[in-house]
Protein backbone atom coordinates (compact mmCIF):
# COMPACT_ATOMS: atom_id res chain seq x y z
CA UNK A 1 79.15 -105.38 -134.02
CA UNK A 2 76.43 -106.76 -136.31
CA UNK A 3 78.01 -110.21 -136.31
CA UNK A 4 78.28 -110.18 -132.53
CA UNK A 5 74.64 -109.10 -132.13
CA UNK A 6 73.47 -111.92 -134.42
CA UNK A 7 75.62 -114.48 -132.57
CA UNK A 8 74.04 -113.42 -129.26
CA UNK A 9 70.75 -114.88 -130.58
CA UNK A 10 68.72 -112.08 -129.02
CA UNK A 11 65.97 -110.70 -131.25
CA UNK A 12 65.54 -107.69 -128.97
CA UNK A 13 69.25 -106.87 -129.21
CA UNK A 14 69.13 -107.04 -133.01
CA UNK A 15 65.96 -104.94 -133.13
CA UNK A 16 67.36 -102.23 -130.86
CA UNK A 17 70.72 -102.19 -132.63
CA UNK A 18 69.12 -101.84 -136.06
CA UNK A 19 66.82 -99.09 -134.85
CA UNK A 20 69.64 -97.17 -133.15
CA UNK A 21 71.99 -97.47 -136.13
CA UNK A 22 69.25 -96.16 -138.43
CA UNK A 23 68.50 -93.33 -135.99
CA UNK A 24 72.17 -92.33 -135.82
CA UNK A 25 72.45 -92.37 -139.61
CA UNK A 26 69.37 -90.14 -139.95
CA UNK A 27 70.88 -87.74 -137.40
CA UNK A 28 74.13 -87.63 -139.41
CA UNK A 29 76.06 -89.17 -136.53
CA UNK A 30 76.93 -92.47 -138.23
CA UNK A 31 77.31 -93.93 -141.68
CA UNK A 32 74.23 -95.83 -142.87
CA UNK A 33 74.45 -99.61 -142.73
CA UNK A 34 75.60 -101.35 -145.88
CA UNK A 35 72.92 -103.45 -147.54
CA UNK A 36 74.70 -106.67 -146.46
CA UNK A 37 74.80 -105.67 -142.80
CA UNK A 38 71.23 -104.40 -142.91
CA UNK A 39 70.00 -107.70 -144.38
CA UNK A 40 72.00 -109.65 -141.77
CA UNK A 41 70.22 -107.77 -138.99
CA UNK A 42 66.78 -107.83 -140.61
CA UNK A 43 67.02 -111.61 -140.99
CA UNK A 44 67.21 -111.87 -137.19
CA UNK A 45 64.42 -109.49 -136.18
CA UNK A 46 61.98 -111.27 -133.92
CA UNK A 47 58.26 -111.63 -134.49
CA UNK A 48 57.34 -109.67 -131.37
CA UNK A 49 57.50 -105.88 -131.20
CA UNK A 50 59.70 -104.54 -128.41
CA UNK A 51 59.96 -101.19 -126.61
CA UNK A 52 63.18 -99.27 -127.03
CA UNK A 53 63.25 -98.69 -123.27
CA UNK A 54 61.46 -101.34 -121.22
CA UNK A 55 61.25 -99.06 -118.17
CA UNK A 56 59.54 -96.10 -119.88
CA UNK A 57 55.90 -95.52 -120.86
CA UNK A 58 54.33 -98.21 -123.03
CA UNK A 59 53.51 -95.87 -125.91
CA UNK A 60 55.41 -94.26 -128.74
CA UNK A 61 56.03 -94.42 -132.47
CA UNK A 62 56.31 -97.83 -134.09
CA UNK A 63 59.01 -98.69 -136.61
CA UNK A 64 57.72 -101.62 -138.64
CA UNK A 65 61.07 -102.55 -140.15
CA UNK A 66 62.71 -103.21 -136.77
CA UNK A 67 59.49 -103.92 -134.85
CA UNK A 68 60.49 -101.35 -132.26
CA UNK A 69 58.24 -98.98 -130.34
CA UNK A 70 60.31 -95.85 -129.74
CA UNK A 71 59.12 -94.68 -126.36
CA UNK A 72 61.93 -92.13 -125.95
CA UNK A 73 62.13 -88.55 -127.17
CA UNK A 74 64.89 -87.59 -129.57
CA UNK A 75 66.67 -85.79 -126.74
CA UNK A 76 66.42 -88.81 -124.43
CA UNK A 77 67.69 -91.11 -127.13
CA UNK A 78 70.66 -88.88 -127.91
CA UNK A 79 71.53 -88.49 -124.23
CA UNK A 80 71.26 -92.27 -123.70
CA UNK A 81 73.61 -92.84 -126.62
CA UNK A 82 76.12 -90.25 -125.38
CA UNK A 83 76.09 -91.60 -121.81
CA UNK A 84 75.70 -95.31 -122.58
């Protein structure tokens, strides 16, 4: 999945994927990324911060590592992951 995301050449995709994988690991729902995969994603993070959900409010907590503004609640994020 990491290789595919990098090959898509979309900084926003890489940023969202890295953020979501970290979130899932913190929730105990996924294994943390290996250092090699984490570095592969971090090397393709864009310069511009992005919103986790482009359609939601333009505020939220900022994750510097992935340059993502999380504008979803924990519950919304978990429901989006389960549905999506």
